[in-house]
Amino acid sequence: MFNVQIDEKTVNEMLEKAINERVEELAKLKYFMSYKELADYLNISKPIIEDRLIKNGLKYYKVGSKYLFKKEEVDQFLDDMTASMTATNNDLKFFTKLQGNI
């Protein structure tokens, strides 16, 4: 049997460090993404975003001439989109949402 001695100060320091690291991670998350950030996030071009995502119902928010996208909504939209794809029908360039599902 092992006899483990726990130093409360060390444990508290470790917990505080872990909490602070997580808070920093969360603080870096952005609520909105710009077009460029979205293109980088999805690794696709702006024309594909416009032609295949926005035209098929991806929500966006316009501030002046700037388009903004919520990461949470982008993820949900893509989850819904890819759920309807099959092994042979999976090319985003050719995806069109059925009119009845809009």
N, C-alpha and C. Protein backbone atom coordinates (compact mmCIF):
# COMPACT_ATOMS: atom_id res chain seq x y z
N MET A 1 0.85 -1.17 0.00
CA MET A 1 0.00 0.00 0.00
C MET A 1 0.89 1.23 0.00
N PHE A 2 0.48 2.24 -0.73
CA PHE A 2 1.24 3.49 -0.80
C PHE A 2 0.70 4.49 0.21
N ASN A 3 1.60 5.24 0.75
CA ASN A 3 1.23 6.31 1.66
C ASN A 3 1.51 7.63 0.92
N VAL A 4 0.46 8.31 0.51
CA VAL A 4 0.61 9.53 -0.27
C VAL A 4 0.32 10.73 0.61
N GLN A 5 1.26 11.65 0.64
CA GLN A 5 1.10 12.89 1.37
C GLN A 5 0.71 13.98 0.37
N ILE A 6 -0.37 14.69 0.65
CA ILE A 6 -0.84 15.74 -0.24
C ILE A 6 -0.61 17.08 0.42
N ASP A 7 0.14 17.90 -0.30
CA ASP A 7 0.41 19.26 0.16
C ASP A 7 -0.71 20.15 -0.37
N GLU A 8 -1.53 20.66 0.51
CA GLU A 8 -2.70 21.45 0.11
C GLU A 8 -2.31 22.68 -0.70
N LYS A 9 -1.22 23.31 -0.36
CA LYS A 9 -0.77 24.50 -1.09
C LYS A 9 -0.42 24.13 -2.53
N THR A 10 0.26 23.02 -2.73
CA THR A 10 0.62 22.58 -4.08
C THR A 10 -0.62 22.25 -4.89
N VAL A 11 -1.56 21.55 -4.27
CA VAL A 11 -2.80 21.21 -4.96
C VAL A 11 -3.55 22.48 -5.36
N ASN A 12 -3.65 23.44 -4.46
CA ASN A 12 -4.33 24.70 -4.77
C ASN A 12 -3.65 25.45 -5.90
N GLU A 13 -2.32 25.45 -5.91
CA GLU A 13 -1.57 26.12 -6.98
C GLU A 13 -1.82 25.43 -8.32
N MET A 14 -1.86 24.10 -8.32
CA MET A 14 -2.11 23.35 -9.55
C MET A 14 -3.52 23.61 -10.07
N LEU A 15 -4.48 23.62 -9.17
CA LEU A 15 -5.86 23.92 -9.57
C LEU A 15 -6.00 25.33 -10.11
N GLU A 16 -5.38 26.28 -9.43
CA GLU A 16 -5.45 27.67 -9.88
C GLU A 16 -4.83 27.82 -11.27
N LYS A 17 -3.70 27.16 -11.50
CA LYS A 17 -3.04 27.22 -12.80
C LYS A 17 -3.93 26.63 -13.88
N ALA A 18 -4.55 25.48 -13.62
CA ALA A 18 -5.42 24.82 -14.59
C ALA A 18 -6.64 25.70 -14.89
N ILE A 19 -7.21 26.29 -13.88
CA ILE A 19 -8.37 27.16 -14.06
C ILE A 19 -7.99 28.39 -14.89
N ASN A 20 -6.88 29.00 -14.57
CA ASN A 20 -6.43 30.19 -15.31
C ASN A 20 -6.16 29.87 -16.78
N GLU A 21 -5.57 28.70 -17.04
CA GLU A 21 -5.31 28.31 -18.43
C GLU A 21 -6.61 28.14 -19.19
N ARG A 22 -7.59 27.53 -18.55
CA ARG A 22 -8.89 27.32 -19.21
C ARG A 22 -9.61 28.65 -19.44
N VAL A 23 -9.54 29.55 -18.47
CA VAL A 23 -10.15 30.87 -18.63
C VAL A 23 -9.51 31.61 -19.80
N GLU A 24 -8.20 31.51 -19.94
CA GLU A 24 -7.51 32.15 -21.06
C GLU A 24 -7.96 31.56 -22.38
N GLU A 25 -8.12 30.23 -22.44
CA GLU A 25 -8.60 29.58 -23.66
C GLU A 25 -9.99 30.10 -24.03
N LEU A 26 -10.88 30.16 -23.05
CA LEU A 26 -12.24 30.62 -23.30
C LEU A 26 -12.27 32.08 -23.71
N ALA A 27 -11.39 32.89 -23.13
CA ALA A 27 -11.35 34.31 -23.47
C ALA A 27 -10.91 34.53 -24.91
N LYS A 28 -10.14 33.60 -25.46
CA LYS A 28 -9.67 33.72 -26.84
C LYS A 28 -10.75 33.37 -27.86
N LEU A 29 -11.76 32.63 -27.43
CA LEU A 29 -12.84 32.27 -28.34
C LEU A 29 -13.64 33.52 -28.70
N LYS A 30 -13.91 33.65 -29.96
CA LYS A 30 -14.65 34.82 -30.41
C LYS A 30 -16.10 34.43 -30.65
N TYR A 31 -16.98 35.36 -30.39
CA TYR A 31 -18.40 35.12 -30.60
C TYR A 31 -18.73 35.11 -32.08
N PHE A 32 -18.14 36.05 -32.82
CA PHE A 32 -18.37 36.15 -34.26
C PHE A 32 -17.07 35.91 -35.00
N MET A 33 -17.22 35.44 -36.24
CA MET A 33 -16.09 35.29 -37.15
C MET A 33 -16.36 36.18 -38.36
N SER A 34 -15.31 36.76 -38.88
CA SER A 34 -15.42 37.54 -40.12
C SER A 34 -15.42 36.55 -41.30
N TYR A 35 -15.62 37.07 -42.51
CA TYR A 35 -15.57 36.23 -43.70
C TYR A 35 -14.22 35.51 -43.79
N LYS A 36 -13.15 36.26 -43.58
CA LYS A 36 -11.81 35.67 -43.68
C LYS A 36 -11.61 34.59 -42.63
N GLU A 37 -12.03 34.87 -41.41
CA GLU A 37 -11.89 33.88 -40.34
C GLU A 37 -12.72 32.63 -40.64
N LEU A 38 -13.92 32.83 -41.19
CA LEU A 38 -14.76 31.70 -41.55
C LEU A 38 -14.11 30.88 -42.67
N ALA A 39 -13.58 31.56 -43.67
CA ALA A 39 -12.90 30.87 -44.77
C ALA A 39 -11.71 30.07 -44.24
N ASP A 40 -10.96 30.67 -43.34
CA ASP A 40 -9.82 29.96 -42.73
C ASP A 40 -10.29 28.78 -41.88
N TYR A 41 -11.34 28.99 -41.11
CA TYR A 41 -11.89 27.96 -40.23
C TYR A 41 -12.36 26.74 -41.03
N LEU A 42 -13.04 27.02 -42.17
CA LEU A 42 -13.59 25.94 -42.98
C LEU A 42 -12.63 25.46 -44.07
N ASN A 43 -11.58 26.23 -44.29
CA ASN A 43 -10.59 25.93 -45.33
C ASN A 43 -11.26 25.89 -46.71
N ILE A 44 -12.16 26.84 -46.95
CA ILE A 44 -12.79 26.99 -48.25
C ILE A 44 -12.81 28.47 -48.61
N SER A 45 -13.04 28.75 -49.88
CA SER A 45 -12.97 30.13 -50.36
C SER A 45 -14.26 30.91 -50.07
N LYS A 46 -14.13 32.23 -50.13
CA LYS A 46 -15.28 33.11 -49.93
C LYS A 46 -16.38 32.85 -50.97
N PRO A 47 -16.04 32.66 -52.27
CA PRO A 47 -17.10 32.36 -53.23
C PRO A 47 -17.87 31.07 -52.91
N ILE A 48 -17.21 30.05 -52.41
CA ILE A 48 -17.90 28.81 -52.04
C ILE A 48 -18.80 29.07 -50.84
N ILE A 49 -18.31 29.87 -49.89
CA ILE A 49 -19.14 30.22 -48.72
C ILE A 49 -20.41 30.93 -49.20
N GLU A 50 -20.25 31.90 -50.10
CA GLU A 50 -21.41 32.64 -50.60
C GLU A 50 -22.34 31.75 -51.41
N ASP A 51 -21.78 30.98 -52.32
CA ASP A 51 -22.58 30.21 -53.26
C ASP A 51 -23.22 28.97 -52.64
N ARG A 52 -22.52 28.30 -51.74
CA ARG A 52 -23.03 27.04 -51.23
C ARG A 52 -23.54 27.09 -49.80
N LEU A 53 -23.06 28.01 -49.02
CA LEU A 53 -23.50 28.05 -47.63
C LEU A 53 -24.56 29.12 -47.41
N ILE A 54 -24.24 30.36 -47.76
CA ILE A 54 -25.18 31.45 -47.53
C ILE A 54 -26.45 31.25 -48.36
N LYS A 55 -26.30 30.88 -49.63
CA LYS A 55 -27.48 30.67 -50.48
C LYS A 55 -28.32 29.49 -50.01
N ASN A 56 -27.76 28.61 -49.20
CA ASN A 56 -28.49 27.47 -48.68
C ASN A 56 -28.93 27.67 -47.23
N GLY A 57 -28.81 28.90 -46.73
CA GLY A 57 -29.40 29.21 -45.45
C GLY A 57 -28.47 29.46 -44.28
N LEU A 58 -27.16 29.52 -44.51
CA LEU A 58 -26.26 29.85 -43.40
C LEU A 58 -26.57 31.26 -42.90
N LYS A 59 -26.84 31.37 -41.62
CA LYS A 59 -27.16 32.68 -41.04
C LYS A 59 -25.91 33.56 -40.97
N TYR A 60 -26.11 34.83 -41.19
CA TYR A 60 -25.03 35.81 -41.05
C TYR A 60 -25.62 37.08 -40.48
N TYR A 61 -24.75 37.91 -40.00
CA TYR A 61 -25.14 39.19 -39.40
C TYR A 61 -24.34 40.26 -40.10
N LYS A 62 -25.02 41.30 -40.52
CA LYS A 62 -24.36 42.36 -41.28
C LYS A 62 -24.22 43.59 -40.40
N VAL A 63 -23.01 44.09 -40.35
CA VAL A 63 -22.72 45.33 -39.64
C VAL A 63 -22.08 46.25 -40.67
N GLY A 64 -22.87 47.19 -41.17
CA GLY A 64 -22.39 48.02 -42.27
C GLY A 64 -22.20 47.14 -43.49
N SER A 65 -20.98 47.09 -43.99
CA SER A 65 -20.69 46.24 -45.15
C SER A 65 -20.00 44.94 -44.74
N LYS A 66 -19.87 44.73 -43.44
CA LYS A 66 -19.15 43.56 -42.94
C LYS A 66 -20.13 42.44 -42.57
N TYR A 67 -19.81 41.23 -43.00
CA TYR A 67 -20.59 40.05 -42.66
C TYR A 67 -19.93 39.32 -41.50
N LEU A 68 -20.75 38.93 -40.53
CA LEU A 68 -20.25 38.20 -39.36
C LEU A 68 -21.03 36.90 -39.21
N PHE A 69 -20.35 35.88 -38.70
CA PHE A 69 -20.94 34.56 -38.55
C PHE A 69 -20.68 34.04 -37.15
N LYS A 70 -21.71 33.45 -36.52
CA LYS A 70 -21.52 32.82 -35.21
C LYS A 70 -20.96 31.42 -35.43
N LYS A 71 -19.87 31.12 -34.78
CA LYS A 71 -19.23 29.81 -34.93
C LYS A 71 -20.21 28.69 -34.59
N GLU A 72 -20.97 28.87 -33.54
CA GLU A 72 -21.95 27.86 -33.10
C GLU A 72 -22.97 27.58 -34.20
N GLU A 73 -23.45 28.64 -34.86
CA GLU A 73 -24.42 28.46 -35.94
C GLU A 73 -23.80 27.84 -37.18
N VAL A 74 -22.55 28.21 -37.46
CA VAL A 74 -21.84 27.61 -38.60
C VAL A 74 -21.69 26.11 -38.37
N ASP A 75 -21.25 25.73 -37.17
CA ASP A 75 -21.07 24.31 -36.86
C ASP A 75 -22.38 23.54 -36.99
N GLN A 76 -23.47 24.11 -36.48
CA GLN A 76 -24.77 23.44 -36.55
C GLN A 76 -25.23 23.32 -37.99
N PHE A 77 -25.06 24.38 -38.77
CA PHE A 77 -25.46 24.37 -40.18
C PHE A 77 -24.70 23.27 -40.93
N LEU A 78 -23.40 23.18 -40.71
CA LEU A 78 -22.60 22.16 -41.40
C LEU A 78 -22.94 20.76 -40.92
N ASP A 79 -23.24 20.61 -39.63
CA ASP A 79 -23.67 19.30 -39.13
C ASP A 79 -24.95 18.86 -39.84
N ASP A 80 -25.90 19.79 -39.96
CA ASP A 80 -27.16 19.49 -40.65
C ASP A 80 -26.92 19.18 -42.13
N MET A 81 -26.06 19.98 -42.76
CA MET A 81 -25.77 19.80 -44.18
C MET A 81 -25.11 18.45 -44.44
N THR A 82 -24.10 18.13 -43.69
CA THR A 82 -23.36 16.90 -43.94
C THR A 82 -24.15 15.66 -43.53
N ALA A 83 -25.12 15.81 -42.64
CA ALA A 83 -25.95 14.68 -42.25
C ALA A 83 -26.78 14.18 -43.42
N SER A 84 -27.10 15.06 -44.37
CA SER A 84 -27.90 14.66 -45.52
C SER A 84 -27.05 14.16 -46.68
N MET A 85 -25.75 14.19 -46.54
CA MET A 85 -24.87 13.73 -47.62
C MET A 85 -24.64 12.22 -47.51
N THR A 86 -24.31 11.63 -48.65
CA THR A 86 -24.02 10.20 -48.68
C THR A 86 -22.58 10.00 -49.17
N ALA A 87 -22.15 8.76 -49.22
CA ALA A 87 -20.78 8.47 -49.66
C ALA A 87 -20.56 8.88 -51.11
N THR A 88 -21.61 8.87 -51.92
CA THR A 88 -21.46 9.24 -53.33
C THR A 88 -21.95 10.65 -53.63
N ASN A 89 -22.67 11.26 -52.70
CA ASN A 89 -23.18 12.62 -52.88
C ASN A 89 -22.65 13.47 -51.72
N ASN A 90 -21.37 13.81 -51.79
CA ASN A 90 -20.76 14.50 -50.66
C ASN A 90 -19.88 15.68 -51.05
N ASP A 91 -20.11 16.22 -52.21
CA ASP A 91 -19.30 17.34 -52.68
C ASP A 91 -20.00 18.65 -52.34
N LEU A 92 -19.38 19.43 -51.48
CA LEU A 92 -19.96 20.70 -51.05
C LEU A 92 -20.23 21.63 -52.22
N LYS A 93 -19.40 21.57 -53.26
CA LYS A 93 -19.58 22.44 -54.41
C LYS A 93 -20.91 22.21 -55.11
N PHE A 94 -21.46 21.00 -54.98
CA PHE A 94 -22.69 20.67 -55.67
C PHE A 94 -23.88 20.59 -54.73
N PHE A 95 -23.68 20.95 -53.47
CA PHE A 95 -24.76 20.84 -52.50
C PHE A 95 -25.78 21.95 -52.71
N THR A 96 -27.04 21.57 -52.74
CA THR A 96 -28.14 22.52 -52.78
C THR A 96 -29.21 21.98 -51.83
N LYS A 97 -29.61 22.78 -50.90
CA LYS A 97 -30.66 22.38 -49.96
C LYS A 97 -31.97 22.25 -50.70
N LEU A 98 -32.72 21.20 -50.43
CA LEU A 98 -34.01 21.03 -51.08
C LEU A 98 -34.93 22.16 -50.65
N GLN A 99 -35.71 22.67 -51.57
CA GLN A 99 -36.58 23.82 -51.30
C GLN A 99 -37.52 23.58 -50.14
N GLY A 100 -38.00 22.37 -49.96
CA GLY A 100 -38.92 22.06 -48.88
C GLY A 100 -38.26 22.08 -47.50
N ASN A 101 -36.93 22.05 -47.44
CA ASN A 101 -36.20 22.01 -46.16
C ASN A 101 -35.67 23.37 -45.74
N ILE A 102 -35.94 24.40 -46.50
CA ILE A 102 -35.40 25.73 -46.15
C ILE A 102 -36.17 26.32 -45.00
